[in-house]
Amino acid sequence: MRESIPRRERSLLLRGLVIAAGLSLLAAPAHAEVFAREQAIHYALEHNPDLLGMREQAAAAGSRRDAARGAQLPQLGLNLSASSSNNALDAFAGRLNTRSVTAQDFDPARLNNPGYRELYLGQLGLRWSLYTGGRVSAQAEGAAEMAKAAQLEFERARELTAFYCLQAYLNVQLAEQGLIIAEDAVGSATQHADTTARLAREGRIVSSDKLTAEVNLAAMQSARAQARTRLERARHQLARVMGLPPLVEPSVTPYPGSSVSMPPQPAEPATLEQTALARRKDLAAAQAVQLAARSQVDAARAAHLPQVDLVATHNRFDNGDANDSSNSVMGVVALDLYSGGQASAGVSAAAAEAKRAEWQVQARTQSVRQEVGDAYQALREARERHEIATGNVERARETVRQVQLRYGQGRTILIDLLQAERALVEARNEELGARLSLEVSQAALALAQGAFTPPGEPQP
């Protein structure tokens, strides 16, 4: 007789199966999407969170610029108020403002005890700062320079994001090719291990050859595991730079061809430096910040000067019994005679900030020069490394072929063959690394000059 499962246990079992299914979906392999190089870069420019934050920062600076410009224009405001008071002065003022004073209002008893009186006021006011000692205009100029700096920093961030995405993309391609090389090495090592094991069983070779082949296989398997880890890390880095959502793992197109064309010899470092100093957006941003800091010095000095405002109002009064309106226009001149040293301290602080901005421009200039020099040297090294590595793979292949032939004829030992094959693996990895280094170095030199342009965008 078949046992029946109690209803409570069936319910718990069903719930467990549902939870397990949900967890299995969460733990499922990440969805992979294939990106071409240009697609990956454009995706990064639209989704990289750091870059998007820079874009919003530039937008905020632009809004602050608009607000500072608006401070130069007349300010118009509307005030509405309602009050109820038994204050003798307020009650009488309400009668005056509505022009409803009568002879009885001067009765001492009524003056002293007016009772609660309501007053409704609507006021339309215009205020225009005619002269502020240059403070408002200096603040507007400073805000405009800061907005310019923020936009330039954002444009530089776009260049950096595109470069980092290109570098990460090439690293994935390199890691994939490196894994292929590692798989080939494991395949060859497995063949040697199987062959030596068979020959050792037949008593045709010494056991040390079998052990040597097994050690070599273990080493190649370890190298393959490292290659897989490098590939996973490279993909994670590319996903981070691109700003991909969770559980989406990027795949790349296979690396094209077996070599890259040699780039033309770059100009002399001095020429490259001059180009960089004229085109680097981060340097131009630092210079804009310096100008903004100088404007803040002018704004701080305005605290020692008078301020002249024009004020005009239109008032509408209603006390429940009568209503009337009035207009007023006046000029206001204000001058702080003593502020406890606040104005002087403000000027000193602004001057120090301006000096700091000046030093930052000098530091950024030195950094630009150094980046150009480093990129130039890296490209020169990459060119030499590529030239050396290009033909070395074929020489290593030929060496393996000849050693295999001698080993098959019994004219050499197994360790020589294994060493030749390891040399071939190293040569293939070096040639692959040289190709990547050459491409990255080209892009890095363009980036250092401020001439790196994302694919599909016009050259500066």
Protein backbone atom coordinates (compact mmCIF):
# COMPACT_ATOMS: atom_id res chain seq x y z
CA MET A 1 0.00 0.00 0.00
CA ARG A 2 1.45 3.36 -1.01
CA GLU A 3 2.11 5.73 1.88
CA SER A 4 0.40 9.11 1.66
CA ILE A 5 2.24 12.30 2.60
CA PRO A 6 0.41 14.39 5.21
CA ARG A 7 -1.05 17.65 3.91
CA ARG A 8 1.20 19.82 6.13
CA GLU A 9 4.35 18.02 4.96
CA ARG A 10 3.21 18.31 1.33
CA SER A 11 2.75 22.04 1.82
CA LEU A 12 6.20 22.43 3.37
CA LEU A 13 7.75 20.33 0.61
CA LEU A 14 6.06 22.39 -2.09
CA ARG A 15 7.21 25.61 -0.45
CA GLY A 16 10.75 24.28 -0.26
CA LEU A 17 10.71 23.37 -3.94
CA VAL A 18 9.51 26.86 -4.86
CA ILE A 19 12.24 28.48 -2.77
CA ALA A 20 14.87 26.15 -4.23
CA ALA A 21 13.72 26.99 -7.75
CA GLY A 22 13.97 30.71 -6.97
CA LEU A 23 17.45 30.32 -5.54
CA SER A 24 18.51 28.30 -8.56
CA LEU A 25 17.37 31.15 -10.81
CA LEU A 26 19.37 33.65 -8.75
CA ALA A 27 22.40 31.41 -8.89
CA ALA A 28 22.04 30.78 -12.60
CA PRO A 29 24.95 31.78 -14.83
CA ALA A 30 24.98 35.41 -15.84
CA HIS A 31 23.42 36.25 -19.15
CA ALA A 32 26.15 36.84 -21.70
CA GLU A 33 25.81 39.44 -24.42
CA VAL A 34 28.29 39.84 -27.26
CA PHE A 35 29.62 43.35 -27.80
CA ALA A 36 31.78 44.57 -30.64
CA ARG A 37 34.52 46.96 -29.57
CA GLU A 38 32.74 50.12 -30.70
CA GLN A 39 29.46 48.91 -29.18
CA ALA A 40 31.11 48.33 -25.81
CA ILE A 41 32.65 51.80 -25.78
CA HIS A 42 29.40 53.53 -26.75
CA TYR A 43 27.54 51.53 -24.12
CA ALA A 44 30.06 52.64 -21.50
CA LEU A 45 29.65 56.28 -22.50
CA GLU A 46 25.91 55.98 -21.90
CA HIS A 47 25.88 53.81 -18.75
CA ASN A 48 29.11 54.17 -16.79
CA PRO A 49 27.92 55.42 -13.37
CA ASP A 50 31.01 57.52 -12.66
CA LEU A 51 30.63 59.26 -16.01
CA LEU A 52 26.92 59.83 -15.45
CA GLY A 53 27.76 61.40 -12.11
CA MET A 54 30.20 63.75 -13.84
CA ARG A 55 27.49 64.67 -16.33
CA GLU A 56 25.10 65.63 -13.54
CA GLN A 57 27.87 67.61 -11.84
CA ALA A 58 28.37 69.59 -15.05
CA ALA A 59 24.62 70.17 -15.27
CA ALA A 60 24.56 71.43 -11.68
CA ALA A 61 27.42 73.83 -12.40
CA GLY A 62 25.54 75.13 -15.42
CA SER A 63 22.47 75.78 -13.28
CA ARG A 64 24.59 77.64 -10.71
CA ARG A 65 25.95 79.78 -13.54
CA ASP A 66 22.41 80.63 -14.64
CA ALA A 67 21.45 81.46 -11.06
CA ALA A 68 24.44 83.79 -10.69
CA ARG A 69 23.53 85.55 -13.93
CA GLY A 70 19.97 85.94 -12.69
CA ALA A 71 21.23 87.83 -9.63
CA GLN A 72 22.24 90.67 -11.98
CA LEU A 73 18.61 91.24 -12.99
CA PRO A 74 15.82 93.00 -11.07
CA GLN A 75 14.05 90.81 -8.52
CA LEU A 76 10.24 90.94 -8.42
CA GLY A 77 8.27 89.44 -5.56
CA LEU A 78 4.71 89.19 -4.24
CA ASN A 79 3.86 89.09 -0.54
CA LEU A 80 0.41 88.39 0.92
CA SER A 81 -0.28 88.74 4.65
CA ALA A 82 -3.24 88.84 7.06
CA SER A 83 -3.11 90.03 10.66
CA SER A 84 -5.45 90.57 13.59
CA SER A 85 -4.22 92.80 16.42
CA ASN A 86 -5.46 95.01 19.27
CA ASN A 87 -2.19 96.94 19.30
CA ALA A 88 -3.16 100.62 19.26
CA LEU A 89 -0.50 101.60 16.73
CA ASP A 90 -1.26 98.70 14.38
CA ALA A 91 -4.99 99.40 14.49
CA PHE A 92 -4.55 103.08 13.73
CA ALA A 93 -1.98 102.32 11.02
CA GLY A 94 -4.50 100.03 9.39
CA ARG A 95 -7.02 102.88 9.27
CA LEU A 96 -4.38 105.17 7.81
CA ASN A 97 -3.28 102.69 5.15
CA THR A 98 -6.86 102.22 4.00
CA ARG A 99 -7.42 106.01 4.18
CA SER A 100 -10.50 105.49 6.36
CA VAL A 101 -9.59 107.69 9.40
CA THR A 102 -12.46 109.72 10.80
CA ALA A 103 -12.74 112.30 13.61
CA GLN A 104 -14.06 109.64 15.98
CA ASP A 105 -10.82 107.68 15.53
CA PHE A 106 -9.00 110.43 17.51
CA ASP A 107 -11.14 109.88 20.58
CA PRO A 108 -8.66 108.94 23.35
CA ALA A 109 -10.76 106.02 24.51
CA ARG A 110 -10.97 104.62 20.98
CA LEU A 111 -7.28 105.23 20.34
CA ASN A 112 -6.27 103.44 23.53
CA ASN A 113 -8.72 100.58 23.20
CA PRO A 114 -9.25 99.91 19.50
CA GLY A 115 -10.21 96.25 19.97
CA TYR A 116 -9.04 93.59 17.52
CA ARG A 117 -8.68 94.90 13.99
CA GLU A 118 -7.94 92.82 10.87
CA LEU A 119 -5.67 93.97 8.09
CA TYR A 120 -5.00 92.25 4.76
CA LEU A 121 -1.95 93.28 2.78
CA GLY A 122 -0.88 92.46 -0.74
CA GLN A 123 2.52 93.80 -1.78
CA LEU A 124 4.23 93.68 -5.15
CA GLY A 125 7.90 94.60 -4.70
CA LEU A 126 10.75 95.28 -7.10
CA ARG A 127 14.39 95.34 -5.95
CA TRP A 128 17.31 96.05 -8.26
CA SER A 129 20.90 96.17 -7.14
CA LEU A 130 22.30 99.07 -9.15
CA TYR A 131 25.79 98.91 -7.70
CA THR A 132 27.41 96.17 -5.59
CA GLY A 133 31.08 97.09 -5.93
CA GLY A 134 31.41 94.44 -8.63
CA ARG A 135 30.36 91.56 -6.32
CA VAL A 136 27.41 90.30 -8.36
CA SER A 137 29.20 90.50 -11.72
CA ALA A 138 32.31 88.84 -10.25
CA GLN A 139 30.21 86.02 -8.85
CA ALA A 140 28.52 85.58 -12.21
CA GLU A 141 31.89 85.43 -13.99
CA GLY A 142 33.19 82.93 -11.43
CA ALA A 143 30.13 80.72 -11.80
CA ALA A 144 30.51 80.80 -15.58
CA GLU A 145 34.14 79.67 -15.31
CA MET A 146 33.20 76.89 -12.89
CA ALA A 147 30.50 75.71 -15.30
CA LYS A 148 33.08 75.70 -18.08
CA ALA A 149 35.49 73.73 -15.88
CA ALA A 150 32.82 71.16 -14.99
CA GLN A 151 31.94 70.66 -18.67
CA LEU A 152 35.60 70.24 -19.59
CA GLU A 153 36.10 67.75 -16.77
CA PHE A 154 33.09 65.81 -18.04
CA GLU A 155 34.49 65.74 -21.57
CA ARG A 156 37.83 64.54 -20.23
CA ALA A 157 35.99 61.89 -18.21
CA ARG A 158 34.36 60.70 -21.46
CA GLU A 159 37.79 60.30 -23.02
CA LEU A 160 39.05 58.37 -19.99
CA THR A 161 35.97 56.15 -19.90
CA ALA A 162 36.32 55.33 -23.59
CA PHE A 163 40.02 54.55 -23.10
CA TYR A 164 39.44 52.38 -20.03
CA CYS A 165 36.69 50.52 -21.87
CA LEU A 166 38.98 49.93 -24.84
CA GLN A 167 41.72 48.70 -22.52
CA ALA A 168 39.33 46.41 -20.64
CA TYR A 169 37.92 45.11 -23.92
CA LEU A 170 41.39 44.28 -25.24
CA ASN A 171 42.22 42.61 -21.92
CA VAL A 172 39.24 40.29 -22.36
CA GLN A 173 40.35 39.46 -25.89
CA LEU A 174 43.88 38.85 -24.61
CA ALA A 175 42.59 36.64 -21.81
CA GLU A 176 40.49 34.59 -24.24
CA GLN A 177 43.47 34.06 -26.52
CA GLY A 178 45.61 33.26 -23.48
CA LEU A 179 43.12 30.59 -22.43
CA ILE A 180 43.28 29.06 -25.91
CA ILE A 181 47.07 28.91 -25.62
CA ALA A 182 46.75 27.31 -22.19
CA GLU A 183 44.26 24.75 -23.53
CA ASP A 184 46.68 23.87 -26.34
CA ALA A 185 49.47 23.45 -23.80
CA VAL A 186 47.31 21.18 -21.63
CA GLY A 187 46.39 19.12 -24.67
CA SER A 188 50.02 18.63 -25.61
CA ALA A 189 51.00 17.87 -22.01
CA THR A 190 48.15 15.35 -21.71
CA GLN A 191 49.35 13.58 -24.84
CA HIS A 192 52.88 13.32 -23.42
CA ALA A 193 51.56 12.07 -20.08
CA ASP A 194 49.44 9.38 -21.78
CA THR A 195 52.31 8.32 -24.07
CA THR A 196 54.89 8.10 -21.28
CA ALA A 197 52.45 6.20 -19.06
CA ARG A 198 51.93 3.63 -21.82
CA LEU A 199 55.62 3.34 -22.57
CA ALA A 200 56.42 2.98 -18.87
CA ARG A 201 53.92 0.13 -18.58
CA GLU A 202 55.60 -1.54 -21.56
CA GLY A 203 58.99 -1.06 -19.92
CA ARG A 204 60.32 0.97 -22.82
CA ILE A 205 61.20 4.10 -20.81
CA VAL A 206 62.34 4.84 -17.31
CA SER A 207 59.73 5.90 -14.75
CA SER A 208 61.36 9.30 -14.32
CA ASP A 209 60.19 10.25 -17.83
CA LYS A 210 56.64 9.34 -16.84
CA LEU A 211 56.90 11.43 -13.66
CA THR A 212 58.38 14.35 -15.59
CA ALA A 213 55.46 14.29 -18.03
CA GLU A 214 52.97 14.19 -15.15
CA VAL A 215 54.64 17.13 -13.43
CA ASN A 216 54.56 19.03 -16.73
CA LEU A 217 50.85 18.24 -17.14
CA ALA A 218 50.11 19.50 -13.65
CA ALA A 219 51.98 22.71 -14.39
CA MET A 220 50.04 23.27 -17.62
CA GLN A 221 46.74 22.54 -15.86
CA SER A 222 47.62 25.10 -13.20
CA ALA A 223 48.47 27.64 -15.91
CA ARG A 224 45.09 26.94 -17.54
CA ALA A 225 43.28 27.54 -14.25
CA GLN A 226 45.11 30.86 -13.91
CA ALA A 227 44.16 31.75 -17.48
CA ARG A 228 40.49 31.08 -16.70
CA THR A 229 40.68 33.29 -13.62
CA ARG A 230 42.30 36.08 -15.64
CA LEU A 231 39.50 35.83 -18.18
CA GLU A 232 36.79 36.07 -15.51
CA ARG A 233 38.49 39.04 -13.89
CA ALA A 234 38.88 40.76 -17.26
CA ARG A 235 35.19 40.26 -18.01
CA HIS A 236 34.18 41.62 -14.61
CA GLN A 237 36.37 44.68 -15.15
CA LEU A 238 34.84 45.28 -18.58
CA ALA A 239 31.34 44.94 -17.12
CA ARG A 240 32.18 47.48 -14.42
CA VAL A 241 33.60 50.02 -16.87
CA MET A 242 30.64 49.57 -19.20
CA GLY A 243 28.15 49.97 -16.35
CA LEU A 244 26.35 46.75 -17.19
CA PRO A 245 23.48 45.68 -14.91
CA PRO A 246 23.98 42.73 -12.52
CA LEU A 247 23.95 39.22 -13.97
CA VAL A 248 24.89 40.48 -17.43
CA GLU A 249 28.33 39.25 -18.42
CA PRO A 250 29.92 40.80 -21.51
CA SER A 251 31.37 38.67 -24.27
CA VAL A 252 33.64 40.11 -26.92
CA THR A 253 34.32 39.35 -30.53
CA PRO A 254 37.45 37.26 -31.20
CA TYR A 255 40.67 39.18 -31.56
CA PRO A 256 41.10 39.82 -35.31
CA GLY A 257 44.13 38.41 -37.09
CA SER A 258 47.45 37.40 -35.63
CA SER A 259 49.19 40.77 -35.72
CA VAL A 260 48.58 44.49 -35.77
CA SER A 261 49.99 46.99 -38.19
CA MET A 262 52.95 48.96 -36.95
CA PRO A 263 51.86 52.53 -36.17
CA PRO A 264 53.84 55.38 -37.68
CA GLN A 265 56.66 56.82 -35.64
CA PRO A 266 55.22 59.53 -33.37
CA ALA A 267 56.53 63.09 -33.36
CA GLU A 268 59.23 64.19 -30.97
CA PRO A 269 58.21 64.45 -27.29
CA ALA A 270 58.53 68.25 -27.28
CA THR A 271 56.02 68.52 -30.12
CA LEU A 272 53.69 66.06 -28.42
CA GLU A 273 53.88 68.06 -25.20
CA GLN A 274 52.89 71.29 -26.93
CA THR A 275 49.93 69.53 -28.53
CA ALA A 276 48.86 68.16 -25.16
CA LEU A 277 49.17 71.52 -23.41
CA ALA A 278 46.92 73.07 -26.03
CA ARG A 279 44.30 70.28 -26.17
CA ARG A 280 44.05 68.64 -22.77
CA LYS A 281 40.60 69.38 -21.40
CA ASP A 282 41.54 68.68 -17.78
CA LEU A 283 44.29 71.31 -18.00
CA ALA A 284 41.83 73.78 -19.53
CA ALA A 285 39.43 72.96 -16.69
CA ALA A 286 42.10 73.76 -14.10
CA GLN A 287 42.76 77.07 -15.84
CA ALA A 288 39.02 77.86 -15.74
CA VAL A 289 38.97 77.11 -12.01
CA GLN A 290 41.88 79.52 -11.59
CA LEU A 291 39.92 82.28 -13.34
CA ALA A 292 36.90 81.52 -11.16
CA ALA A 293 39.05 81.82 -8.04
CA ARG A 294 40.30 85.22 -9.18
CA SER A 295 36.69 86.33 -9.63
CA GLN A 296 35.98 85.31 -6.06
CA VAL A 297 38.76 87.62 -4.90
CA ASP A 298 37.03 90.52 -6.69
CA ALA A 299 33.71 89.50 -5.15
CA ALA A 300 35.22 89.42 -1.66
CA ARG A 301 36.79 92.86 -2.08
CA ALA A 302 33.36 94.29 -2.91
CA ALA A 303 32.45 93.91 0.78
CA HIS A 304 34.51 97.08 1.43
CA LEU A 305 32.44 99.10 -1.07
CA PRO A 306 28.93 100.55 -0.78
CA GLN A 307 25.88 98.88 -2.25
CA VAL A 308 23.13 100.83 -3.98
CA ASP A 309 19.67 99.31 -4.42
CA LEU A 310 16.49 100.59 -6.00
CA VAL A 311 13.32 99.47 -4.22
CA ALA A 312 9.79 100.00 -5.54
CA THR A 313 6.60 98.61 -4.04
CA HIS A 314 2.88 98.64 -4.75
CA ASN A 315 0.79 97.91 -1.64
CA ARG A 316 -2.87 96.94 -1.42
CA PHE A 317 -4.55 97.23 2.03
CA ASP A 318 -7.93 95.96 3.23
CA ASN A 319 -9.21 96.16 6.84
CA GLY A 320 -12.64 94.74 6.19
CA ASP A 321 -14.33 98.15 6.22
CA ALA A 322 -12.29 99.92 3.56
CA ASN A 323 -9.41 99.28 1.15
CA ASP A 324 -6.87 101.38 -0.63
CA SER A 325 -3.45 101.15 -2.25
CA SER A 326 -0.16 103.01 -2.15
CA ASN A 327 3.09 103.13 -4.09
CA SER A 328 6.61 103.86 -2.97
CA VAL A 329 10.00 104.21 -4.64
CA MET A 330 13.26 104.62 -2.78
CA GLY A 331 16.97 104.28 -3.17
CA VAL A 332 19.04 102.50 -0.52
CA VAL A 333 22.77 102.99 0.00
CA ALA A 334 24.42 100.57 2.43
CA LEU A 335 28.02 100.40 3.59
CA ASP A 336 29.46 98.12 6.25
CA LEU A 337 31.71 100.31 8.36
CA TYR A 338 32.90 97.55 10.69
CA SER A 339 32.30 93.80 10.53
CA GLY A 340 34.79 92.48 13.03
CA GLY A 341 37.36 91.69 10.33
CA GLN A 342 35.03 89.41 8.37
CA ALA A 343 35.47 91.29 5.09
CA SER A 344 39.27 91.35 5.33
CA ALA A 345 39.37 87.69 6.28
CA GLY A 346 37.12 86.87 3.33
CA VAL A 347 39.49 88.64 0.95
CA SER A 348 42.48 86.79 2.41
CA ALA A 349 40.73 83.44 2.09
CA ALA A 350 39.74 84.13 -1.52
CA ALA A 351 43.28 85.21 -2.36
CA ALA A 352 44.65 81.99 -0.85
CA GLU A 353 42.18 79.94 -2.88
CA ALA A 354 43.26 81.78 -6.02
CA LYS A 355 46.90 81.01 -5.25
CA ARG A 356 46.01 77.38 -4.64
CA ALA A 357 44.27 77.23 -8.02
CA GLU A 358 47.39 78.70 -9.62
CA TRP A 359 49.57 75.99 -8.10
CA GLN A 360 47.09 73.36 -9.25
CA VAL A 361 47.43 74.60 -12.83
CA GLN A 362 51.20 74.30 -12.58
CA ALA A 363 50.90 70.81 -11.08
CA ARG A 364 48.49 69.73 -13.81
CA THR A 365 50.83 71.12 -16.46
CA GLN A 366 53.72 69.07 -15.06
CA SER A 367 51.47 66.02 -14.91
CA VAL A 368 50.48 66.46 -18.56
CA ARG A 369 54.11 66.70 -19.61
CA GLN A 370 55.00 63.59 -17.65
CA GLU A 371 52.04 61.61 -19.00
CA VAL A 372 53.03 62.45 -22.55
CA GLY A 373 56.64 61.43 -21.88
CA ASP A 374 55.60 58.16 -20.23
CA ALA A 375 53.18 57.34 -23.04
CA TYR A 376 55.85 58.09 -25.63
CA GLN A 377 58.34 55.77 -23.93
CA ALA A 378 55.70 53.07 -23.50
CA LEU A 379 54.84 53.19 -27.21
CA ARG A 380 58.51 53.01 -28.17
CA GLU A 381 58.95 49.98 -25.93
CA ALA A 382 55.79 48.38 -27.34
CA ARG A 383 57.05 48.84 -30.90
CA GLU A 384 60.38 47.18 -30.07
CA ARG A 385 58.67 44.40 -28.14
CA HIS A 386 56.27 43.73 -31.01
CA GLU A 387 59.07 43.60 -33.55
CA ILE A 388 60.95 41.07 -31.44
CA ALA A 389 57.93 38.91 -30.63
CA THR A 390 56.44 38.81 -34.13
CA GLY A 391 58.86 36.30 -35.62
CA ASN A 392 59.72 34.51 -32.40
CA VAL A 393 56.61 32.32 -32.43
CA GLU A 394 57.48 30.72 -35.74
CA ARG A 395 61.03 30.09 -34.54
CA ALA A 396 59.66 28.46 -31.39
CA ARG A 397 57.31 26.30 -33.48
CA GLU A 398 60.18 25.18 -35.66
CA THR A 399 62.22 24.36 -32.57
CA VAL A 400 59.41 22.16 -31.25
CA ARG A 401 59.11 20.41 -34.60
CA GLN A 402 62.82 19.61 -34.74
CA VAL A 403 62.99 18.47 -31.10
CA GLN A 404 59.93 16.26 -31.64
CA LEU A 405 61.67 14.68 -34.62
CA ARG A 406 64.84 14.01 -32.63
CA TYR A 407 62.84 12.69 -29.68
CA GLY A 408 60.95 10.31 -31.95
CA GLN A 409 64.30 9.07 -33.24
CA GLY A 410 65.58 8.60 -29.71
CA ARG A 411 68.25 11.26 -30.17
CA THR A 412 67.16 13.50 -27.30
CA ILE A 413 65.38 13.23 -23.96
CA LEU A 414 61.82 14.14 -22.98
CA ILE A 415 62.84 17.14 -20.90
CA ASP A 416 64.24 18.82 -24.01
CA LEU A 417 60.91 18.42 -25.78
CA LEU A 418 58.97 19.74 -22.79
CA GLN A 419 61.27 22.73 -22.52
CA ALA A 420 60.84 23.48 -26.23
CA GLU A 421 57.05 23.32 -25.88
CA ARG A 422 57.14 25.60 -22.84
CA ALA A 423 59.26 28.03 -24.82
CA LEU A 424 56.58 27.97 -27.54
CA VAL A 425 53.85 28.71 -24.98
CA GLU A 426 55.90 31.60 -23.62
CA ALA A 427 56.56 32.92 -27.14
CA ARG A 428 52.85 32.80 -28.01
CA ASN A 429 51.91 34.59 -24.80
CA GLU A 430 54.62 37.19 -25.34
CA GLU A 431 53.50 37.83 -28.92
CA LEU A 432 49.91 38.18 -27.74
CA GLY A 433 50.93 40.56 -24.96
CA ALA A 434 53.03 42.57 -27.40
CA ARG A 435 50.04 43.04 -29.69
CA LEU A 436 47.89 44.25 -26.81
CA SER A 437 50.64 46.52 -25.51
CA LEU A 438 51.05 48.11 -28.94
CA GLU A 439 47.34 48.90 -29.29
CA VAL A 440 46.98 50.19 -25.74
CA SER A 441 50.14 52.29 -26.02
CA GLN A 442 48.88 53.94 -29.20
CA ALA A 443 45.61 54.84 -27.49
CA ALA A 444 47.42 55.97 -24.34
CA LEU A 445 49.61 58.39 -26.28
CA ALA A 446 46.55 59.87 -27.98
CA LEU A 447 44.86 60.14 -24.59
CA ALA A 448 47.87 61.89 -23.09
CA GLN A 449 47.77 64.44 -25.93
CA GLY A 450 44.04 65.04 -25.49
CA ALA A 451 43.47 63.57 -28.94
CA PHE A 452 41.77 60.29 -28.04
CA THR A 453 38.34 60.23 -29.65
CA PRO A 454 35.70 57.54 -29.05
CA PRO A 455 34.83 55.58 -32.22
CA GLY A 456 32.29 57.28 -34.43
CA GLU A 457 32.91 60.78 -33.07
CA PRO A 458 34.66 63.51 -35.07
CA GLN A 459 38.34 64.13 -34.46
CA PRO A 460 39.10 67.29 -32.46
